[in-house]
N, C-alpha and C. Protein backbone atom coordinates (compact mmCIF):
# COMPACT_ATOMS: atom_id res chain seq x y z
N MET A 1 21.71 31.96 10.95
CA MET A 1 21.88 30.70 11.67
C MET A 1 20.76 29.76 11.27
N GLU A 2 21.09 28.56 10.79
CA GLU A 2 20.08 27.58 10.41
C GLU A 2 20.21 26.35 11.30
N THR A 3 19.06 25.85 11.75
CA THR A 3 19.05 24.65 12.57
C THR A 3 17.88 23.80 12.15
N ALA A 4 18.06 22.49 12.07
CA ALA A 4 16.96 21.58 11.69
C ALA A 4 15.89 21.61 12.76
N ILE A 5 14.64 21.31 12.36
CA ILE A 5 13.50 21.31 13.27
C ILE A 5 13.69 20.30 14.40
N CYS A 6 14.13 19.09 14.10
CA CYS A 6 14.27 18.07 15.13
C CYS A 6 15.61 18.24 15.83
N GLY A 7 15.64 17.94 17.11
CA GLY A 7 16.88 18.03 17.87
C GLY A 7 16.97 19.36 18.55
N ARG A 8 17.96 20.16 18.17
CA ARG A 8 18.19 21.46 18.79
C ARG A 8 17.65 22.54 17.88
N LEU A 9 16.81 23.40 18.39
CA LEU A 9 16.16 24.41 17.58
C LEU A 9 16.51 25.78 18.11
N ALA A 10 17.07 26.63 17.28
CA ALA A 10 17.39 27.99 17.70
C ALA A 10 16.22 28.89 17.38
N LEU A 11 15.51 29.35 18.43
CA LEU A 11 14.37 30.23 18.23
C LEU A 11 14.84 31.66 18.00
N SER A 12 15.89 32.05 18.65
CA SER A 12 16.53 33.34 18.43
C SER A 12 18.00 33.14 18.80
N PRO A 13 18.84 34.11 18.53
CA PRO A 13 20.27 33.92 18.85
C PRO A 13 20.51 33.65 20.33
N ASN A 14 19.65 34.13 21.22
CA ASN A 14 19.87 33.97 22.65
C ASN A 14 19.07 32.83 23.26
N THR A 15 18.11 32.25 22.54
CA THR A 15 17.25 31.21 23.08
C THR A 15 17.45 29.94 22.28
N VAL A 16 17.70 28.84 22.97
CA VAL A 16 17.84 27.54 22.31
C VAL A 16 16.84 26.59 22.94
N PHE A 17 16.06 25.91 22.11
CA PHE A 17 15.07 24.94 22.58
C PHE A 17 15.62 23.56 22.29
N ASN A 18 15.87 22.79 23.33
CA ASN A 18 16.36 21.41 23.16
C ASN A 18 15.17 20.48 23.21
N SER A 19 14.93 19.77 22.16
CA SER A 19 13.80 18.83 22.14
C SER A 19 14.34 17.41 22.11
N LYS A 20 13.56 16.53 22.69
CA LYS A 20 13.89 15.11 22.68
C LYS A 20 12.72 14.38 22.06
N PRO A 21 12.95 13.25 21.40
CA PRO A 21 11.84 12.49 20.81
C PRO A 21 10.80 12.15 21.88
N GLY A 22 9.54 12.45 21.60
CA GLY A 22 8.46 12.13 22.51
C GLY A 22 8.15 13.21 23.52
N ASP A 23 8.98 14.31 23.59
CA ASP A 23 8.69 15.41 24.50
C ASP A 23 7.31 15.99 24.22
N LYS A 24 6.65 16.47 25.27
CA LYS A 24 5.33 17.06 25.11
C LYS A 24 5.40 18.30 24.21
N HIS A 25 6.47 19.06 24.33
CA HIS A 25 6.60 20.30 23.55
C HIS A 25 7.51 20.13 22.34
N SER A 26 7.89 18.92 22.05
CA SER A 26 8.79 18.66 20.94
C SER A 26 8.07 18.91 19.61
N LEU A 27 8.82 19.35 18.63
CA LEU A 27 8.25 19.57 17.30
C LEU A 27 8.32 18.31 16.46
N CYS A 28 8.94 17.26 16.98
CA CYS A 28 8.99 16.01 16.25
C CYS A 28 8.42 14.91 17.13
N ARG A 29 7.82 13.95 16.52
CA ARG A 29 7.23 12.81 17.24
C ARG A 29 8.03 11.57 16.88
N GLY A 30 8.28 10.70 17.85
CA GLY A 30 9.04 9.49 17.57
C GLY A 30 10.50 9.83 17.32
N ALA A 31 11.15 9.04 16.51
CA ALA A 31 12.56 9.28 16.20
C ALA A 31 12.68 10.50 15.32
N CYS A 32 13.65 11.35 15.62
CA CYS A 32 13.84 12.58 14.85
C CYS A 32 14.70 12.31 13.64
N THR A 33 14.12 11.70 12.66
CA THR A 33 14.82 11.47 11.41
C THR A 33 14.05 12.18 10.33
N SER A 34 14.75 12.78 9.41
CA SER A 34 14.06 13.51 8.36
C SER A 34 13.84 12.58 7.19
N ARG A 35 12.61 12.43 6.79
CA ARG A 35 12.25 11.61 5.64
C ARG A 35 11.38 12.44 4.73
N GLY A 36 11.83 12.71 3.55
CA GLY A 36 10.99 13.39 2.58
C GLY A 36 11.15 14.89 2.61
N ILE A 37 10.81 15.54 3.71
CA ILE A 37 10.84 17.00 3.74
C ILE A 37 11.72 17.46 4.89
N LEU A 38 12.66 18.31 4.61
CA LEU A 38 13.50 18.91 5.62
C LEU A 38 13.10 20.37 5.73
N MET A 39 12.94 20.85 6.95
CA MET A 39 12.59 22.26 7.12
C MET A 39 13.66 22.91 7.98
N ALA A 40 13.97 24.14 7.70
CA ALA A 40 14.99 24.85 8.47
C ALA A 40 14.43 26.19 8.91
N MET A 41 15.00 26.73 9.99
CA MET A 41 14.56 28.02 10.50
C MET A 41 15.76 28.95 10.50
N SER A 42 15.55 30.17 10.04
CA SER A 42 16.61 31.15 10.05
C SER A 42 16.30 32.19 11.10
N ALA A 43 17.30 32.58 11.83
CA ALA A 43 17.12 33.67 12.79
C ALA A 43 17.40 34.96 12.05
N ALA A 44 16.46 35.89 12.14
CA ALA A 44 16.58 37.13 11.39
C ALA A 44 17.56 38.09 12.05
N GLY A 45 17.76 37.95 13.32
CA GLY A 45 18.67 38.85 14.02
C GLY A 45 18.35 38.81 15.50
N PRO A 46 19.05 39.57 16.31
CA PRO A 46 18.82 39.53 17.75
C PRO A 46 17.38 39.91 18.10
N GLY A 47 16.67 38.94 18.72
CA GLY A 47 15.32 39.19 19.22
C GLY A 47 14.25 39.30 18.15
N LYS A 48 14.54 38.99 16.90
CA LYS A 48 13.54 39.15 15.84
C LYS A 48 12.83 37.85 15.49
N GLY A 49 13.06 36.76 16.20
CA GLY A 49 12.37 35.50 15.92
C GLY A 49 12.92 34.85 14.66
N GLY A 50 12.17 33.91 14.13
CA GLY A 50 12.64 33.18 12.97
C GLY A 50 11.64 33.20 11.84
N VAL A 51 12.12 32.88 10.64
CA VAL A 51 11.29 32.81 9.45
C VAL A 51 11.49 31.43 8.84
N LEU A 52 10.39 30.75 8.57
CA LEU A 52 10.51 29.44 7.94
C LEU A 52 10.93 29.59 6.49
N GLU A 53 11.88 28.77 6.09
CA GLU A 53 12.30 28.77 4.71
C GLU A 53 11.48 27.75 3.92
N ARG A 54 11.57 27.83 2.65
CA ARG A 54 10.87 26.91 1.77
C ARG A 54 11.34 25.47 2.03
N PRO A 55 10.40 24.49 2.15
CA PRO A 55 10.82 23.11 2.41
C PRO A 55 11.59 22.53 1.24
N ILE A 56 12.55 21.68 1.55
CA ILE A 56 13.32 20.97 0.52
C ILE A 56 12.68 19.61 0.36
N ILE A 57 12.19 19.29 -0.82
CA ILE A 57 11.49 18.04 -1.07
C ILE A 57 12.41 17.10 -1.82
N GLU A 58 12.57 15.89 -1.25
CA GLU A 58 13.41 14.90 -1.90
C GLU A 58 12.78 14.43 -3.18
N LYS A 59 13.58 14.21 -4.17
CA LYS A 59 13.11 13.66 -5.44
C LYS A 59 13.04 12.14 -5.33
N THR A 60 12.10 11.53 -6.08
CA THR A 60 12.03 10.07 -6.08
C THR A 60 13.25 9.53 -6.82
N THR A 61 13.64 8.33 -6.48
CA THR A 61 14.78 7.68 -7.08
C THR A 61 14.55 7.53 -8.58
N PRO A 62 15.52 7.87 -9.42
CA PRO A 62 15.34 7.71 -10.86
C PRO A 62 15.02 6.25 -11.21
N GLY A 63 14.07 6.07 -12.11
CA GLY A 63 13.69 4.73 -12.52
C GLY A 63 12.65 4.10 -11.61
N ARG A 64 12.29 4.78 -10.53
CA ARG A 64 11.30 4.24 -9.60
C ARG A 64 10.00 5.00 -9.79
N GLU A 65 8.92 4.26 -10.01
CA GLU A 65 7.64 4.90 -10.24
C GLU A 65 7.00 5.30 -8.91
N SER A 66 6.26 6.38 -8.95
CA SER A 66 5.56 6.78 -7.73
C SER A 66 4.34 5.89 -7.52
N GLU A 67 3.78 5.95 -6.31
CA GLU A 67 2.60 5.14 -5.98
C GLU A 67 1.44 5.53 -6.89
N PHE A 68 1.31 6.82 -7.21
CA PHE A 68 0.25 7.28 -8.08
C PHE A 68 0.38 6.66 -9.47
N ASP A 69 1.61 6.62 -10.00
CA ASP A 69 1.83 6.04 -11.33
C ASP A 69 1.48 4.56 -11.35
N LEU A 70 1.79 3.84 -10.25
CA LEU A 70 1.47 2.42 -10.19
C LEU A 70 -0.04 2.20 -10.19
N ARG A 71 -0.78 3.03 -9.41
CA ARG A 71 -2.24 2.90 -9.39
C ARG A 71 -2.82 3.20 -10.77
N LYS A 72 -2.28 4.21 -11.44
CA LYS A 72 -2.77 4.59 -12.76
C LYS A 72 -2.54 3.45 -13.76
N SER A 73 -1.35 2.83 -13.71
CA SER A 73 -1.06 1.75 -14.66
C SER A 73 -1.92 0.53 -14.39
N ARG A 74 -2.25 0.29 -13.12
CA ARG A 74 -3.10 -0.86 -12.80
C ARG A 74 -4.52 -0.64 -13.32
N LYS A 75 -4.99 0.61 -13.25
CA LYS A 75 -6.35 0.90 -13.70
C LYS A 75 -6.45 0.83 -15.23
N THR A 76 -5.38 1.16 -15.92
CA THR A 76 -5.44 1.19 -17.38
C THR A 76 -5.02 -0.14 -18.00
N SER A 77 -4.49 -1.07 -17.19
CA SER A 77 -4.09 -2.36 -17.75
C SER A 77 -5.33 -3.18 -18.08
N PRO A 78 -5.25 -4.07 -19.08
CA PRO A 78 -6.42 -4.86 -19.45
C PRO A 78 -6.82 -5.80 -18.32
N PRO A 79 -8.12 -6.05 -18.17
CA PRO A 79 -8.58 -6.90 -17.07
C PRO A 79 -8.28 -8.38 -17.30
N TYR A 80 -8.09 -9.10 -16.20
CA TYR A 80 -7.84 -10.54 -16.23
C TYR A 80 -8.83 -11.23 -15.29
N ARG A 81 -9.19 -12.46 -15.66
CA ARG A 81 -10.05 -13.29 -14.81
C ARG A 81 -9.18 -14.21 -13.97
N VAL A 82 -9.53 -14.35 -12.69
CA VAL A 82 -8.93 -15.37 -11.84
C VAL A 82 -9.94 -16.51 -11.82
N ILE A 83 -9.50 -17.69 -12.21
CA ILE A 83 -10.40 -18.83 -12.35
C ILE A 83 -10.06 -19.89 -11.30
N LEU A 84 -11.08 -20.37 -10.60
CA LEU A 84 -10.94 -21.46 -9.64
C LEU A 84 -11.38 -22.75 -10.32
N HIS A 85 -10.53 -23.77 -10.26
CA HIS A 85 -10.84 -25.07 -10.86
C HIS A 85 -11.26 -26.05 -9.77
N ASN A 86 -12.17 -26.93 -10.12
CA ASN A 86 -12.60 -27.95 -9.17
C ASN A 86 -11.47 -28.96 -8.95
N ASP A 87 -11.37 -29.45 -7.73
CA ASP A 87 -10.42 -30.53 -7.45
C ASP A 87 -11.09 -31.54 -6.52
N ASN A 88 -10.51 -32.71 -6.43
CA ASN A 88 -11.07 -33.77 -5.59
C ASN A 88 -10.34 -33.87 -4.26
N PHE A 89 -9.58 -32.86 -3.89
CA PHE A 89 -8.74 -32.95 -2.70
C PHE A 89 -9.26 -32.09 -1.55
N ASN A 90 -9.71 -30.87 -1.84
CA ASN A 90 -10.07 -29.92 -0.79
C ASN A 90 -11.55 -29.99 -0.46
N LYS A 91 -11.86 -29.87 0.82
CA LYS A 91 -13.26 -29.85 1.26
C LYS A 91 -13.87 -28.51 0.87
N ARG A 92 -15.17 -28.50 0.66
CA ARG A 92 -15.87 -27.29 0.23
C ARG A 92 -15.71 -26.16 1.24
N GLU A 93 -15.78 -26.48 2.52
CA GLU A 93 -15.65 -25.44 3.56
C GLU A 93 -14.27 -24.78 3.51
N TYR A 94 -13.25 -25.58 3.24
CA TYR A 94 -11.89 -25.05 3.16
C TYR A 94 -11.77 -24.09 1.98
N VAL A 95 -12.34 -24.45 0.84
CA VAL A 95 -12.29 -23.60 -0.36
C VAL A 95 -12.93 -22.24 -0.05
N VAL A 96 -14.08 -22.26 0.63
CA VAL A 96 -14.77 -21.02 0.99
C VAL A 96 -13.90 -20.18 1.91
N GLN A 97 -13.26 -20.80 2.90
CA GLN A 97 -12.39 -20.06 3.82
C GLN A 97 -11.21 -19.41 3.09
N VAL A 98 -10.59 -20.15 2.18
CA VAL A 98 -9.45 -19.60 1.44
C VAL A 98 -9.90 -18.44 0.56
N LEU A 99 -11.02 -18.56 -0.12
CA LEU A 99 -11.51 -17.47 -0.96
C LEU A 99 -11.72 -16.20 -0.14
N MET A 100 -12.32 -16.34 1.04
CA MET A 100 -12.57 -15.17 1.88
C MET A 100 -11.28 -14.58 2.43
N LYS A 101 -10.26 -15.42 2.63
CA LYS A 101 -8.98 -14.94 3.15
C LYS A 101 -8.16 -14.23 2.07
N VAL A 102 -8.18 -14.76 0.86
CA VAL A 102 -7.29 -14.28 -0.21
C VAL A 102 -7.87 -13.10 -1.00
N ILE A 103 -9.16 -13.13 -1.28
CA ILE A 103 -9.77 -12.12 -2.16
C ILE A 103 -10.34 -10.99 -1.30
N PRO A 104 -9.89 -9.75 -1.51
CA PRO A 104 -10.40 -8.64 -0.70
C PRO A 104 -11.89 -8.40 -0.97
N GLY A 105 -12.65 -8.21 0.10
CA GLY A 105 -14.07 -7.92 -0.02
C GLY A 105 -14.94 -9.14 -0.29
N MET A 106 -14.36 -10.33 -0.26
CA MET A 106 -15.12 -11.56 -0.53
C MET A 106 -16.03 -11.86 0.66
N THR A 107 -17.33 -12.02 0.38
CA THR A 107 -18.29 -12.36 1.42
C THR A 107 -18.51 -13.86 1.45
N LEU A 108 -19.12 -14.33 2.51
CA LEU A 108 -19.41 -15.75 2.65
C LEU A 108 -20.33 -16.22 1.54
N ASP A 109 -21.38 -15.46 1.24
CA ASP A 109 -22.34 -15.86 0.20
C ASP A 109 -21.69 -15.97 -1.17
N ILE A 110 -20.87 -14.99 -1.52
CA ILE A 110 -20.21 -15.01 -2.83
C ILE A 110 -19.21 -16.17 -2.89
N ALA A 111 -18.46 -16.39 -1.80
CA ALA A 111 -17.48 -17.48 -1.77
C ALA A 111 -18.18 -18.84 -1.93
N VAL A 112 -19.32 -19.01 -1.28
CA VAL A 112 -20.08 -20.27 -1.41
C VAL A 112 -20.55 -20.45 -2.85
N ASN A 113 -21.06 -19.38 -3.47
CA ASN A 113 -21.53 -19.47 -4.86
C ASN A 113 -20.39 -19.82 -5.82
N ILE A 114 -19.21 -19.22 -5.62
CA ILE A 114 -18.05 -19.52 -6.47
C ILE A 114 -17.64 -20.98 -6.29
N MET A 115 -17.59 -21.43 -5.04
CA MET A 115 -17.21 -22.81 -4.76
C MET A 115 -18.21 -23.78 -5.41
N GLN A 116 -19.51 -23.51 -5.29
CA GLN A 116 -20.55 -24.39 -5.87
C GLN A 116 -20.44 -24.44 -7.39
N GLU A 117 -20.22 -23.28 -8.00
CA GLU A 117 -20.10 -23.24 -9.46
C GLU A 117 -18.88 -24.05 -9.93
N ALA A 118 -17.75 -23.89 -9.24
CA ALA A 118 -16.56 -24.66 -9.60
C ALA A 118 -16.80 -26.16 -9.39
N HIS A 119 -17.53 -26.52 -8.34
CA HIS A 119 -17.80 -27.93 -8.04
C HIS A 119 -18.69 -28.56 -9.11
N HIS A 120 -19.72 -27.81 -9.56
CA HIS A 120 -20.68 -28.36 -10.53
C HIS A 120 -20.22 -28.22 -11.98
N ASN A 121 -19.56 -27.11 -12.31
CA ASN A 121 -19.18 -26.85 -13.71
C ASN A 121 -17.71 -27.12 -14.01
N GLY A 122 -16.91 -27.37 -12.98
CA GLY A 122 -15.50 -27.63 -13.19
C GLY A 122 -14.62 -26.42 -13.01
N LEU A 123 -15.19 -25.23 -13.16
CA LEU A 123 -14.45 -23.99 -12.93
C LEU A 123 -15.41 -22.85 -12.66
N SER A 124 -14.86 -21.77 -12.08
CA SER A 124 -15.66 -20.59 -11.78
C SER A 124 -14.75 -19.36 -11.79
N VAL A 125 -15.30 -18.23 -12.24
CA VAL A 125 -14.55 -16.97 -12.20
C VAL A 125 -14.63 -16.44 -10.78
N VAL A 126 -13.48 -16.18 -10.18
CA VAL A 126 -13.41 -15.69 -8.81
C VAL A 126 -13.51 -14.17 -8.79
N ILE A 127 -12.70 -13.50 -9.62
CA ILE A 127 -12.64 -12.04 -9.64
C ILE A 127 -12.06 -11.61 -10.98
N ILE A 128 -12.43 -10.42 -11.42
CA ILE A 128 -11.83 -9.81 -12.61
C ILE A 128 -11.10 -8.56 -12.13
N CYS A 129 -9.79 -8.49 -12.44
CA CYS A 129 -8.97 -7.39 -11.94
C CYS A 129 -7.77 -7.19 -12.86
N SER A 130 -6.84 -6.34 -12.46
CA SER A 130 -5.64 -6.10 -13.27
C SER A 130 -4.79 -7.36 -13.32
N GLN A 131 -3.90 -7.43 -14.29
CA GLN A 131 -3.05 -8.61 -14.45
C GLN A 131 -2.18 -8.83 -13.21
N ALA A 132 -1.60 -7.76 -12.68
CA ALA A 132 -0.74 -7.90 -11.50
C ALA A 132 -1.52 -8.45 -10.31
N ASP A 133 -2.72 -7.92 -10.08
CA ASP A 133 -3.55 -8.41 -8.98
C ASP A 133 -4.01 -9.84 -9.24
N ALA A 134 -4.36 -10.15 -10.49
CA ALA A 134 -4.81 -11.50 -10.84
C ALA A 134 -3.71 -12.52 -10.59
N GLU A 135 -2.48 -12.17 -10.97
CA GLU A 135 -1.36 -13.08 -10.73
C GLU A 135 -1.14 -13.28 -9.23
N ASP A 136 -1.26 -12.20 -8.47
CA ASP A 136 -1.09 -12.28 -7.02
C ASP A 136 -2.17 -13.17 -6.39
N HIS A 137 -3.44 -12.94 -6.76
CA HIS A 137 -4.54 -13.76 -6.22
C HIS A 137 -4.37 -15.23 -6.60
N CYS A 138 -4.00 -15.47 -7.84
CA CYS A 138 -3.81 -16.84 -8.32
C CYS A 138 -2.72 -17.55 -7.52
N MET A 139 -1.60 -16.87 -7.29
CA MET A 139 -0.51 -17.47 -6.52
C MET A 139 -0.92 -17.73 -5.08
N GLN A 140 -1.71 -16.82 -4.50
CA GLN A 140 -2.17 -17.03 -3.12
C GLN A 140 -3.13 -18.21 -3.04
N LEU A 141 -4.02 -18.34 -4.02
CA LEU A 141 -4.93 -19.48 -4.03
C LEU A 141 -4.14 -20.78 -4.16
N ARG A 142 -3.16 -20.79 -5.07
CA ARG A 142 -2.33 -21.98 -5.25
C ARG A 142 -1.52 -22.27 -3.99
N GLY A 143 -1.04 -21.22 -3.33
CA GLY A 143 -0.28 -21.38 -2.11
C GLY A 143 -1.09 -22.02 -0.99
N ASN A 144 -2.42 -21.90 -1.09
CA ASN A 144 -3.31 -22.52 -0.11
C ASN A 144 -3.87 -23.84 -0.61
N GLY A 145 -3.30 -24.38 -1.68
CA GLY A 145 -3.67 -25.70 -2.15
C GLY A 145 -4.83 -25.77 -3.12
N LEU A 146 -5.30 -24.64 -3.63
CA LEU A 146 -6.40 -24.65 -4.60
C LEU A 146 -5.85 -24.59 -6.01
N LEU A 147 -6.59 -25.13 -6.96
CA LEU A 147 -6.20 -25.06 -8.37
C LEU A 147 -6.79 -23.80 -8.96
N SER A 148 -5.94 -22.96 -9.52
CA SER A 148 -6.42 -21.71 -10.11
C SER A 148 -5.55 -21.32 -11.29
N SER A 149 -6.11 -20.44 -12.11
CA SER A 149 -5.39 -19.93 -13.27
C SER A 149 -5.93 -18.53 -13.57
N ILE A 150 -5.26 -17.84 -14.51
CA ILE A 150 -5.77 -16.54 -14.95
C ILE A 150 -5.85 -16.55 -16.47
N GLU A 151 -6.71 -15.67 -17.00
CA GLU A 151 -6.83 -15.49 -18.44
C GLU A 151 -7.31 -14.08 -18.70
N PRO A 152 -6.98 -13.51 -19.87
CA PRO A 152 -7.48 -12.17 -20.19
C PRO A 152 -9.01 -12.16 -20.19
N ALA A 153 -9.59 -11.11 -19.66
CA ALA A 153 -11.04 -11.01 -19.58
C ALA A 153 -11.65 -10.51 -20.88
N SER A 154 -10.84 -9.93 -21.75
CA SER A 154 -11.38 -9.44 -23.03
C SER A 154 -11.69 -10.60 -23.95
N GLY A 155 -12.80 -10.51 -24.65
CA GLY A 155 -13.22 -11.59 -25.56
C GLY A 155 -13.89 -12.71 -24.81
N GLY A 156 -14.71 -13.45 -25.47
CA GLY A 156 -15.43 -14.55 -24.81
C GLY A 156 -16.52 -14.03 -23.90
N CYS A 157 -17.06 -14.90 -23.08
CA CYS A 157 -18.12 -14.46 -22.16
C CYS A 157 -17.56 -14.13 -20.80
């Protein structure tokens, strides 16, 4: 006799444990939906308890990369610079706020330095990262009204 872990669980042929989502003694938490791993219990016989069977692991969808593969490809992709260009429209304080909001780990001091460099030199490098991240940061900066671009970090200074 096989029964899924969530819902109705047969501990032995004569004992049935009815669980509900959120029960204190329930083996499942929240909604009892199986995602990823399904486990089943077999009753060995009258009064002999159960034995866990090997879990069934769902395969990833063909053509879809795993999260690990995506992280690996981002680390091995060539680096790109996100460049902030000076403009005559946005106030300096606003530029600093947007930099801190858009770029992960951006501190106030670094954001002020980037803003000052762009103001005095016409442009400043905001961050060097993977192409996908650089495109994302650039679009977010542009979405907040700042002028930005990306370029490969290899070559040049």
